[in-house]
Amino acid sequence: MTEPMTLVTAGVDTHRDTHVPAALDERGDEPGIESFPATAARYSKLLSWLNSFGTVKRVGVQDTACYSAGLSRHLQPKGIEVIEVDRPNRHLRRRAGKSDPVDATGAASAAQSSQTTAIAKTVDGDLEKPRALRMVRASARHSRVRVINQLRDLIVTSPDQLRSELGGLTAITLPQRCSRFR
């Protein structure tokens, strides 16, 4: 008699440099937790490790538009359902101490129990292009406002001659005029 195929649900606590996956079998038992470098080359190793426990059907991750974006892009074309799970309550989590394995197991449990149904963002579609442009434009606008405010603050404490020269300039002409200073 052949042994039935084990279905595995995983949770991954993602960080900039490392990903910590936890695997759960169908009964919710935890066959393993491991740590992998967060690189494209290691995503295959992470998936192979998960597949060593059975067939991976679903992976729960936090913040799929951030540290886990690359992992999500790697898993989705392979037919694995990537679910975005909510972060655990920070206050309660910090009380017990921050633990990557506990967070990964929590993400796996959330994905397994279907507490969440949010499909992971792929961050590579047509909607990402205008979103990225809007983000860059907003960042540039905020930087420009900060610079103008800094210049105006410096004018207040500058010598009288410089203060009278720059005091009446607009937000457009002030940076232009100051850029000519040597």
N, C-alpha and C. Protein backbone atom coordinates (compact mmCIF):
# COMPACT_ATOMS: atom_id res chain seq x y z
N MET A 1 0.84 -1.17 0.00
CA MET A 1 0.00 0.00 0.00
C MET A 1 0.89 1.24 0.00
N THR A 2 0.58 2.20 -0.85
CA THR A 2 1.41 3.40 -0.91
C THR A 2 0.96 4.39 0.15
N GLU A 3 1.92 5.12 0.64
CA GLU A 3 1.63 6.13 1.66
C GLU A 3 1.00 7.34 0.98
N PRO A 4 -0.08 7.92 1.57
CA PRO A 4 -0.70 9.08 0.94
C PRO A 4 0.25 10.28 0.97
N MET A 5 0.09 11.13 -0.03
CA MET A 5 0.94 12.30 -0.17
C MET A 5 0.61 13.31 0.93
N THR A 6 1.63 13.80 1.62
CA THR A 6 1.44 14.78 2.67
C THR A 6 1.39 16.17 2.05
N LEU A 7 0.35 16.93 2.42
CA LEU A 7 0.26 18.32 1.97
C LEU A 7 0.87 19.21 3.04
N VAL A 8 1.69 20.13 2.60
CA VAL A 8 2.42 21.00 3.52
C VAL A 8 1.96 22.44 3.33
N THR A 9 1.75 23.11 4.45
CA THR A 9 1.50 24.55 4.45
C THR A 9 2.70 25.18 5.13
N ALA A 10 3.20 26.25 4.56
CA ALA A 10 4.39 26.90 5.12
C ALA A 10 4.07 28.33 5.52
N GLY A 11 4.87 28.83 6.41
CA GLY A 11 4.84 30.24 6.78
C GLY A 11 6.27 30.73 6.74
N VAL A 12 6.46 31.96 6.29
CA VAL A 12 7.82 32.48 6.18
C VAL A 12 7.89 33.84 6.86
N ASP A 13 8.81 33.96 7.81
CA ASP A 13 9.11 35.25 8.42
C ASP A 13 10.22 35.86 7.59
N THR A 14 9.90 36.92 6.88
CA THR A 14 10.85 37.48 5.92
C THR A 14 11.57 38.70 6.49
N HIS A 15 12.82 38.81 6.13
CA HIS A 15 13.67 39.95 6.49
C HIS A 15 14.48 40.33 5.26
N ARG A 16 15.20 41.41 5.36
CA ARG A 16 15.99 41.86 4.21
C ARG A 16 17.03 40.83 3.78
N ASP A 17 17.72 40.23 4.75
CA ASP A 17 18.83 39.33 4.43
C ASP A 17 18.52 37.85 4.59
N THR A 18 17.51 37.51 5.38
CA THR A 18 17.18 36.10 5.61
C THR A 18 15.68 35.89 5.59
N HIS A 19 15.30 34.67 5.26
CA HIS A 19 13.91 34.21 5.34
C HIS A 19 13.90 32.97 6.23
N VAL A 20 12.95 32.92 7.15
CA VAL A 20 12.82 31.79 8.05
C VAL A 20 11.50 31.10 7.78
N PRO A 21 11.52 29.96 7.05
CA PRO A 21 10.28 29.23 6.79
C PRO A 21 10.01 28.18 7.87
N ALA A 22 8.72 27.98 8.12
CA ALA A 22 8.27 26.89 8.99
C ALA A 22 7.28 26.06 8.19
N ALA A 23 7.40 24.75 8.28
CA ALA A 23 6.50 23.85 7.55
C ALA A 23 5.53 23.22 8.54
N LEU A 24 4.26 23.12 8.12
CA LEU A 24 3.23 22.44 8.91
C LEU A 24 2.60 21.36 8.04
N ASP A 25 2.41 20.18 8.60
CA ASP A 25 1.72 19.15 7.84
C ASP A 25 0.21 19.34 7.99
N GLU A 26 -0.56 18.40 7.43
CA GLU A 26 -2.03 18.55 7.43
C GLU A 26 -2.64 18.57 8.82
N ARG A 27 -1.97 17.93 9.79
CA ARG A 27 -2.49 17.89 11.15
C ARG A 27 -2.05 19.10 11.95
N GLY A 28 -1.21 19.95 11.38
CA GLY A 28 -0.71 21.12 12.11
C GLY A 28 0.58 20.85 12.84
N ASP A 29 1.14 19.64 12.67
CA ASP A 29 2.43 19.33 13.28
C ASP A 29 3.53 20.04 12.50
N GLU A 30 4.56 20.38 13.20
CA GLU A 30 5.65 21.15 12.60
C GLU A 30 6.85 20.25 12.34
N PRO A 31 7.04 19.82 11.09
CA PRO A 31 8.19 18.97 10.81
C PRO A 31 9.52 19.72 10.77
N GLY A 32 9.49 21.04 10.59
CA GLY A 32 10.78 21.71 10.54
C GLY A 32 10.71 23.22 10.40
N ILE A 33 11.80 23.85 10.85
CA ILE A 33 12.02 25.29 10.70
C ILE A 33 13.47 25.45 10.28
N GLU A 34 13.72 26.35 9.35
CA GLU A 34 15.07 26.54 8.84
C GLU A 34 15.26 28.03 8.54
N SER A 35 16.47 28.43 8.23
CA SER A 35 16.77 29.80 7.83
C SER A 35 17.54 29.76 6.51
N PHE A 36 17.16 30.67 5.59
CA PHE A 36 17.80 30.72 4.28
C PHE A 36 18.16 32.17 3.96
N PRO A 37 19.26 32.39 3.26
CA PRO A 37 19.56 33.75 2.77
C PRO A 37 18.46 34.21 1.81
N ALA A 38 18.14 35.47 1.86
CA ALA A 38 17.08 36.04 1.01
C ALA A 38 17.65 36.44 -0.34
N THR A 39 17.99 35.43 -1.14
CA THR A 39 18.51 35.66 -2.48
C THR A 39 17.73 34.81 -3.47
N ALA A 40 17.72 35.23 -4.71
CA ALA A 40 17.00 34.48 -5.74
C ALA A 40 17.52 33.05 -5.85
N ALA A 41 18.82 32.87 -5.70
CA ALA A 41 19.40 31.54 -5.80
C ALA A 41 18.93 30.63 -4.66
N ARG A 42 18.67 31.20 -3.51
CA ARG A 42 18.28 30.40 -2.35
C ARG A 42 16.78 30.13 -2.27
N TYR A 43 15.96 30.85 -3.07
CA TYR A 43 14.52 30.57 -3.06
C TYR A 43 14.25 29.14 -3.51
N SER A 44 15.01 28.66 -4.47
CA SER A 44 14.86 27.27 -4.92
C SER A 44 15.23 26.30 -3.81
N LYS A 45 16.28 26.60 -3.07
CA LYS A 45 16.68 25.75 -1.94
C LYS A 45 15.60 25.75 -0.87
N LEU A 46 15.02 26.90 -0.59
CA LEU A 46 13.95 27.01 0.39
C LEU A 46 12.76 26.15 -0.03
N LEU A 47 12.38 26.24 -1.30
CA LEU A 47 11.26 25.45 -1.81
C LEU A 47 11.58 23.95 -1.79
N SER A 48 12.79 23.59 -2.14
CA SER A 48 13.19 22.17 -2.08
C SER A 48 13.12 21.65 -0.65
N TRP A 49 13.56 22.47 0.29
CA TRP A 49 13.50 22.09 1.69
C TRP A 49 12.05 21.87 2.12
N LEU A 50 11.16 22.78 1.74
CA LEU A 50 9.74 22.62 2.07
C LEU A 50 9.16 21.37 1.42
N ASN A 51 9.53 21.13 0.16
CA ASN A 51 9.02 19.96 -0.56
C ASN A 51 9.53 18.64 0.02
N SER A 52 10.60 18.70 0.81
CA SER A 52 11.10 17.47 1.43
C SER A 52 10.13 16.93 2.49
N PHE A 53 9.19 17.74 2.93
CA PHE A 53 8.18 17.32 3.90
C PHE A 53 6.88 16.86 3.24
N GLY A 54 6.73 17.13 1.95
CA GLY A 54 5.51 16.79 1.23
C GLY A 54 5.27 17.82 0.13
N THR A 55 4.06 17.82 -0.39
CA THR A 55 3.72 18.76 -1.46
C THR A 55 3.27 20.08 -0.86
N VAL A 56 3.95 21.16 -1.21
CA VAL A 56 3.61 22.48 -0.69
C VAL A 56 2.40 23.00 -1.44
N LYS A 57 1.34 23.30 -0.72
CA LYS A 57 0.13 23.80 -1.37
C LYS A 57 -0.08 25.29 -1.12
N ARG A 58 0.38 25.79 0.03
CA ARG A 58 0.12 27.19 0.37
C ARG A 58 1.26 27.69 1.26
N VAL A 59 1.63 28.97 1.03
CA VAL A 59 2.66 29.61 1.84
C VAL A 59 2.12 30.93 2.34
N GLY A 60 2.18 31.14 3.64
CA GLY A 60 1.76 32.41 4.23
C GLY A 60 2.97 33.29 4.50
N VAL A 61 2.91 34.53 4.03
CA VAL A 61 4.00 35.48 4.25
C VAL A 61 3.42 36.82 4.67
N GLN A 62 4.25 37.62 5.33
CA GLN A 62 3.85 38.97 5.71
C GLN A 62 4.44 39.95 4.70
N ASP A 63 3.74 41.04 4.47
CA ASP A 63 4.26 42.13 3.64
C ASP A 63 4.80 41.67 2.30
N THR A 64 3.93 41.15 1.44
CA THR A 64 4.38 40.60 0.17
C THR A 64 4.89 41.67 -0.79
N ALA A 65 4.67 42.94 -0.50
CA ALA A 65 5.19 43.98 -1.37
C ALA A 65 6.55 44.47 -0.91
N CYS A 66 7.10 43.84 0.11
CA CYS A 66 8.36 44.32 0.65
C CYS A 66 9.40 43.19 0.62
N TYR A 67 9.83 42.71 1.77
CA TYR A 67 10.92 41.73 1.84
C TYR A 67 10.57 40.40 1.18
N SER A 68 9.30 40.05 1.12
CA SER A 68 8.96 38.75 0.56
C SER A 68 8.52 38.83 -0.90
N ALA A 69 8.69 39.97 -1.54
CA ALA A 69 8.25 40.12 -2.93
C ALA A 69 8.97 39.14 -3.85
N GLY A 70 10.26 39.01 -3.71
CA GLY A 70 11.02 38.10 -4.56
C GLY A 70 10.62 36.65 -4.35
N LEU A 71 10.42 36.27 -3.08
CA LEU A 71 9.99 34.91 -2.78
C LEU A 71 8.60 34.65 -3.36
N SER A 72 7.70 35.60 -3.24
CA SER A 72 6.35 35.45 -3.80
C SER A 72 6.40 35.27 -5.32
N ARG A 73 7.24 36.07 -5.98
CA ARG A 73 7.38 35.94 -7.44
C ARG A 73 7.97 34.60 -7.83
N HIS A 74 8.78 34.02 -6.96
CA HIS A 74 9.38 32.72 -7.25
C HIS A 74 8.37 31.58 -7.07
N LEU A 75 7.52 31.69 -6.05
CA LEU A 75 6.60 30.59 -5.72
C LEU A 75 5.35 30.56 -6.59
N GLN A 76 4.79 31.72 -6.92
CA GLN A 76 3.50 31.75 -7.63
C GLN A 76 3.52 31.04 -8.99
N PRO A 77 4.54 31.22 -9.83
CA PRO A 77 4.53 30.51 -11.12
C PRO A 77 4.62 28.98 -10.98
N LYS A 78 5.02 28.52 -9.81
CA LYS A 78 5.13 27.09 -9.57
C LYS A 78 3.81 26.49 -9.07
N GLY A 79 2.76 27.31 -9.10
CA GLY A 79 1.44 26.83 -8.70
C GLY A 79 1.21 26.81 -7.20
N ILE A 80 2.05 27.46 -6.45
CA ILE A 80 1.90 27.52 -4.99
C ILE A 80 1.11 28.78 -4.65
N GLU A 81 0.08 28.60 -3.85
CA GLU A 81 -0.75 29.73 -3.44
C GLU A 81 0.00 30.50 -2.36
N VAL A 82 0.30 31.75 -2.63
CA VAL A 82 0.99 32.60 -1.67
C VAL A 82 -0.04 33.53 -1.06
N ILE A 83 -0.19 33.44 0.25
CA ILE A 83 -1.20 34.19 1.00
C ILE A 83 -0.51 35.24 1.84
N GLU A 84 -1.05 36.45 1.81
CA GLU A 84 -0.52 37.51 2.68
C GLU A 84 -1.23 37.42 4.01
N VAL A 85 -0.45 37.17 5.07
CA VAL A 85 -1.03 37.06 6.41
C VAL A 85 -0.75 38.33 7.19
N ASP A 86 -1.62 38.61 8.13
CA ASP A 86 -1.46 39.79 8.98
C ASP A 86 -0.30 39.60 9.93
N ARG A 87 0.32 40.72 10.26
CA ARG A 87 1.37 40.66 11.26
C ARG A 87 0.76 40.36 12.62
N PRO A 88 1.49 39.63 13.44
CA PRO A 88 0.98 39.42 14.79
C PRO A 88 1.01 40.74 15.56
N ASN A 89 0.19 40.84 16.57
CA ASN A 89 0.15 42.03 17.41
C ASN A 89 1.54 42.28 17.99
N ARG A 90 2.13 43.42 17.66
CA ARG A 90 3.51 43.70 18.07
C ARG A 90 3.67 43.74 19.58
N HIS A 91 2.69 44.36 20.24
CA HIS A 91 2.79 44.49 21.69
C HIS A 91 2.82 43.11 22.35
N LEU A 92 1.90 42.24 21.96
CA LEU A 92 1.87 40.90 22.54
C LEU A 92 3.09 40.09 22.13
N ARG A 93 3.53 40.27 20.88
CA ARG A 93 4.68 39.51 20.39
C ARG A 93 5.95 39.91 21.11
N ARG A 94 6.13 41.21 21.36
CA ARG A 94 7.35 41.68 22.02
C ARG A 94 7.40 41.27 23.48
N ARG A 95 6.22 41.11 24.09
CA ARG A 95 6.18 40.69 25.48
C ARG A 95 6.84 39.33 25.66
N ALA A 96 6.58 38.45 24.72
CA ALA A 96 7.14 37.11 24.78
C ALA A 96 8.54 37.05 24.16
N GLY A 97 8.98 38.13 23.56
CA GLY A 97 10.28 38.15 22.89
C GLY A 97 10.13 37.87 21.41
N LYS A 98 10.88 38.60 20.59
CA LYS A 98 10.82 38.43 19.14
C LYS A 98 11.47 37.12 18.77
N SER A 99 10.77 36.34 17.99
CA SER A 99 11.29 35.04 17.59
C SER A 99 10.88 34.76 16.16
N ASP A 100 11.85 34.65 15.27
CA ASP A 100 11.56 34.35 13.86
C ASP A 100 10.85 33.01 13.70
N PRO A 101 11.28 31.94 14.38
CA PRO A 101 10.56 30.68 14.24
C PRO A 101 9.10 30.77 14.69
N VAL A 102 8.84 31.50 15.77
CA VAL A 102 7.46 31.65 16.24
C VAL A 102 6.64 32.44 15.23
N ASP A 103 7.22 33.50 14.67
CA ASP A 103 6.51 34.28 13.65
C ASP A 103 6.25 33.46 12.40
N ALA A 104 7.22 32.65 11.99
CA ALA A 104 7.04 31.80 10.80
C ALA A 104 5.96 30.76 11.05
N THR A 105 5.96 30.16 12.22
CA THR A 105 4.93 29.18 12.56
C THR A 105 3.56 29.83 12.62
N GLY A 106 3.49 31.06 13.15
CA GLY A 106 2.22 31.79 13.18
C GLY A 106 1.71 32.08 11.78
N ALA A 107 2.59 32.44 10.87
CA ALA A 107 2.20 32.69 9.48
C ALA A 107 1.70 31.41 8.82
N ALA A 108 2.36 30.29 9.12
CA ALA A 108 1.94 29.00 8.55
C ALA A 108 0.57 28.61 9.10
N SER A 109 0.36 28.80 10.39
CA SER A 109 -0.93 28.48 11.01
C SER A 109 -2.05 29.33 10.43
N ALA A 110 -1.77 30.62 10.22
CA ALA A 110 -2.78 31.51 9.64
C ALA A 110 -3.13 31.08 8.22
N ALA A 111 -2.12 30.71 7.44
CA ALA A 111 -2.37 30.27 6.07
C ALA A 111 -3.12 28.93 6.05
N GLN A 112 -2.76 28.04 6.97
CA GLN A 112 -3.39 26.73 7.01
C GLN A 112 -4.85 26.81 7.44
N SER A 113 -5.15 27.69 8.39
CA SER A 113 -6.51 27.79 8.90
C SER A 113 -7.39 28.67 8.03
N SER A 114 -6.81 29.22 6.98
CA SER A 114 -7.53 30.12 6.06
C SER A 114 -8.10 31.32 6.79
N GLN A 115 -7.37 31.82 7.82
CA GLN A 115 -7.79 33.03 8.52
C GLN A 115 -7.76 34.22 7.57
N THR A 116 -6.93 34.13 6.58
CA THR A 116 -6.81 35.21 5.62
C THR A 116 -6.94 34.65 4.21
N THR A 117 -7.47 35.47 3.34
CA THR A 117 -7.62 35.03 1.95
C THR A 117 -6.95 36.00 0.98
N ALA A 118 -6.16 36.90 1.51
CA ALA A 118 -5.51 37.89 0.67
C ALA A 118 -4.41 37.24 -0.16
N ILE A 119 -4.59 37.23 -1.47
CA ILE A 119 -3.59 36.68 -2.36
C ILE A 119 -2.41 37.66 -2.42
N ALA A 120 -1.21 37.13 -2.40
CA ALA A 120 -0.02 37.95 -2.38
C ALA A 120 0.09 38.84 -3.61
N LYS A 121 0.61 40.03 -3.40
CA LYS A 121 0.87 40.94 -4.52
C LYS A 121 2.07 40.41 -5.31
N THR A 122 2.01 40.61 -6.61
CA THR A 122 3.14 40.16 -7.42
C THR A 122 4.16 41.27 -7.63
N VAL A 123 3.80 42.48 -7.43
CA VAL A 123 4.65 43.66 -7.61
C VAL A 123 5.40 43.68 -8.93
N ASP A 124 4.78 43.16 -9.98
CA ASP A 124 5.44 43.21 -11.28
C ASP A 124 4.45 43.47 -12.42
N GLY A 125 3.22 43.78 -12.11
CA GLY A 125 2.21 43.98 -13.14
C GLY A 125 2.18 45.39 -13.67
N ASP A 126 1.22 45.64 -14.56
CA ASP A 126 1.09 46.96 -15.17
C ASP A 126 0.75 48.03 -14.14
N LEU A 127 0.07 47.67 -13.06
CA LEU A 127 -0.28 48.65 -12.04
C LEU A 127 0.94 49.10 -11.24
N GLU A 128 1.98 48.32 -11.23
CA GLU A 128 3.17 48.68 -10.46
C GLU A 128 3.94 49.84 -11.08
N LYS A 129 3.89 49.96 -12.39
CA LYS A 129 4.64 51.04 -13.04
C LYS A 129 4.15 52.41 -12.60
N PRO A 130 2.84 52.71 -12.71
CA PRO A 130 2.40 54.03 -12.24
C PRO A 130 2.53 54.19 -10.73
N ARG A 131 2.37 53.10 -9.99
CA ARG A 131 2.53 53.20 -8.53
C ARG A 131 3.96 53.59 -8.18
N ALA A 132 4.93 52.99 -8.86
CA ALA A 132 6.33 53.32 -8.61
C ALA A 132 6.62 54.77 -8.99
N LEU A 133 6.08 55.22 -10.10
CA LEU A 133 6.28 56.61 -10.51
C LEU A 133 5.65 57.58 -9.52
N ARG A 134 4.45 57.27 -9.05
CA ARG A 134 3.80 58.12 -8.06
C ARG A 134 4.61 58.18 -6.77
N MET A 135 5.16 57.04 -6.39
CA MET A 135 5.96 56.98 -5.17
C MET A 135 7.22 57.84 -5.30
N VAL A 136 7.90 57.75 -6.43
CA VAL A 136 9.11 58.54 -6.65
C VAL A 136 8.77 60.03 -6.70
N ARG A 137 7.68 60.36 -7.38
CA ARG A 137 7.28 61.76 -7.48
C ARG A 137 6.94 62.33 -6.10
N ALA A 138 6.21 61.57 -5.30
CA ALA A 138 5.86 62.03 -3.95
C ALA A 138 7.11 62.21 -3.11
N SER A 139 8.06 61.30 -3.24
CA SER A 139 9.31 61.40 -2.49
C SER A 139 10.09 62.66 -2.91
N ALA A 140 10.14 62.92 -4.21
CA ALA A 140 10.84 64.12 -4.70
C ALA A 140 10.16 65.39 -4.20
N ARG A 141 8.83 65.38 -4.21
CA ARG A 141 8.08 66.55 -3.74
C ARG A 141 8.35 66.80 -2.24
N HIS A 142 8.35 65.73 -1.46
CA HIS A 142 8.62 65.88 -0.02
C HIS A 142 10.05 66.37 0.22
N SER A 143 10.99 65.88 -0.56
CA SER A 143 12.38 66.32 -0.43
C SER A 143 12.50 67.79 -0.77
N ARG A 144 11.83 68.21 -1.83
CA ARG A 144 11.87 69.61 -2.24
C ARG A 144 11.31 70.52 -1.14
N VAL A 145 10.20 70.12 -0.55
CA VAL A 145 9.59 70.92 0.52
C VAL A 145 10.54 71.00 1.72
N ARG A 146 11.19 69.88 2.06
CA ARG A 146 12.14 69.90 3.18
C ARG A 146 13.30 70.85 2.90
N VAL A 147 13.82 70.83 1.69
CA VAL A 147 14.94 71.71 1.33
C VAL A 147 14.52 73.18 1.42
N ILE A 148 13.37 73.50 0.88
CA ILE A 148 12.90 74.89 0.93
C ILE A 148 12.69 75.34 2.37
N ASN A 149 12.13 74.47 3.20
CA ASN A 149 11.95 74.82 4.62
C ASN A 149 13.29 75.01 5.32
N GLN A 150 14.28 74.19 5.00
CA GLN A 150 15.61 74.36 5.59
C GLN A 150 16.23 75.68 5.15
N LEU A 151 16.08 76.00 3.86
CA LEU A 151 16.62 77.28 3.37
C LEU A 151 15.96 78.46 4.09
N ARG A 152 14.65 78.40 4.23
CA ARG A 152 13.94 79.50 4.92
C ARG A 152 14.36 79.60 6.38
N ASP A 153 14.59 78.48 7.02
CA ASP A 153 15.07 78.50 8.40
C ASP A 153 16.47 79.11 8.49
N LEU A 154 17.33 78.81 7.51
CA LEU A 154 18.67 79.38 7.51
C LEU A 154 18.64 80.88 7.25
N ILE A 155 17.70 81.33 6.45
CA ILE A 155 17.58 82.76 6.15
C ILE A 155 17.28 83.54 7.43
N VAL A 156 16.48 82.96 8.31
CA VAL A 156 16.10 83.64 9.56
C VAL A 156 17.34 83.95 10.39
N THR A 157 18.32 83.08 10.41
CA THR A 157 19.51 83.29 11.24
C THR A 157 20.72 83.80 10.45
N SER A 158 20.53 84.11 9.19
CA SER A 158 21.65 84.55 8.36
C SER A 158 21.97 86.03 8.61
N PRO A 159 23.16 86.49 8.16
CA PRO A 159 23.50 87.91 8.29
C PRO A 159 22.46 88.78 7.57
N ASP A 160 22.33 90.03 8.04
CA ASP A 160 21.29 90.93 7.54
C ASP A 160 21.34 91.13 6.02
N GLN A 161 22.52 91.27 5.44
CA GLN A 161 22.63 91.48 4.00
C GLN A 161 22.04 90.30 3.23
N LEU A 162 22.42 89.10 3.62
CA LEU A 162 21.91 87.89 2.96
C LEU A 162 20.41 87.72 3.23
N ARG A 163 20.00 88.06 4.43
CA ARG A 163 18.58 87.94 4.80
C ARG A 163 17.72 88.86 3.95
N SER A 164 18.16 90.08 3.73
CA SER A 164 17.37 91.02 2.92
C SER A 164 17.38 90.61 1.45
N GLU A 165 18.47 89.99 0.98
CA GLU A 165 18.56 89.55 -0.41
C GLU A 165 17.65 88.35 -0.70
N LEU A 166 17.53 87.43 0.26
CA LEU A 166 16.78 86.20 0.03
C LEU A 166 15.39 86.19 0.64
N GLY A 167 15.12 87.10 1.54
CA GLY A 167 13.88 87.08 2.31
C GLY A 167 12.60 87.09 1.50
N GLY A 168 12.54 87.80 0.40
CA GLY A 168 11.29 87.91 -0.35
C GLY A 168 11.16 86.94 -1.51
N LEU A 169 12.09 86.00 -1.65
CA LEU A 169 12.03 85.08 -2.79
C LEU A 169 10.96 84.01 -2.60
N THR A 170 10.40 83.54 -3.70
CA THR A 170 9.37 82.52 -3.66
C THR A 170 10.00 81.13 -3.54
N ALA A 171 9.15 80.14 -3.34
CA ALA A 171 9.62 78.76 -3.22
C ALA A 171 10.30 78.27 -4.49
N ILE A 172 10.00 78.90 -5.63
CA ILE A 172 10.63 78.52 -6.89
C ILE A 172 11.96 79.23 -7.06
N THR A 173 11.99 80.52 -6.79
CA THR A 173 13.21 81.30 -7.03
C THR A 173 14.26 81.15 -5.93
N LEU A 174 13.85 80.83 -4.71
CA LEU A 174 14.80 80.70 -3.60
C LEU A 174 15.83 79.59 -3.86
N PRO A 175 15.44 78.35 -4.20
CA PRO A 175 16.46 77.33 -4.46
C PRO A 175 17.32 77.66 -5.69
N GLN A 176 16.70 78.30 -6.70
CA GLN A 176 17.48 78.68 -7.89
C GLN A 176 18.56 79.67 -7.52
N ARG A 177 18.21 80.66 -6.73
CA ARG A 177 19.17 81.69 -6.32
C ARG A 177 20.26 81.09 -5.44
N CYS A 178 19.87 80.24 -4.49
CA CYS A 178 20.86 79.65 -3.59
C CYS A 178 21.79 78.68 -4.29
N SER A 179 21.33 78.06 -5.37
CA SER A 179 22.19 77.12 -6.10
C SER A 179 23.34 77.84 -6.80
N ARG A 180 23.24 79.15 -6.97
CA ARG A 180 24.32 79.92 -7.60
C ARG A 180 25.36 80.39 -6.61
N PHE A 181 25.13 80.23 -5.32
CA PHE A 181 26.12 80.60 -4.31
C PHE A 181 27.34 79.69 -4.38
N ARG A 182 28.48 80.24 -4.11
CA ARG A 182 29.72 79.46 -4.04
C ARG A 182 30.35 79.62 -2.69
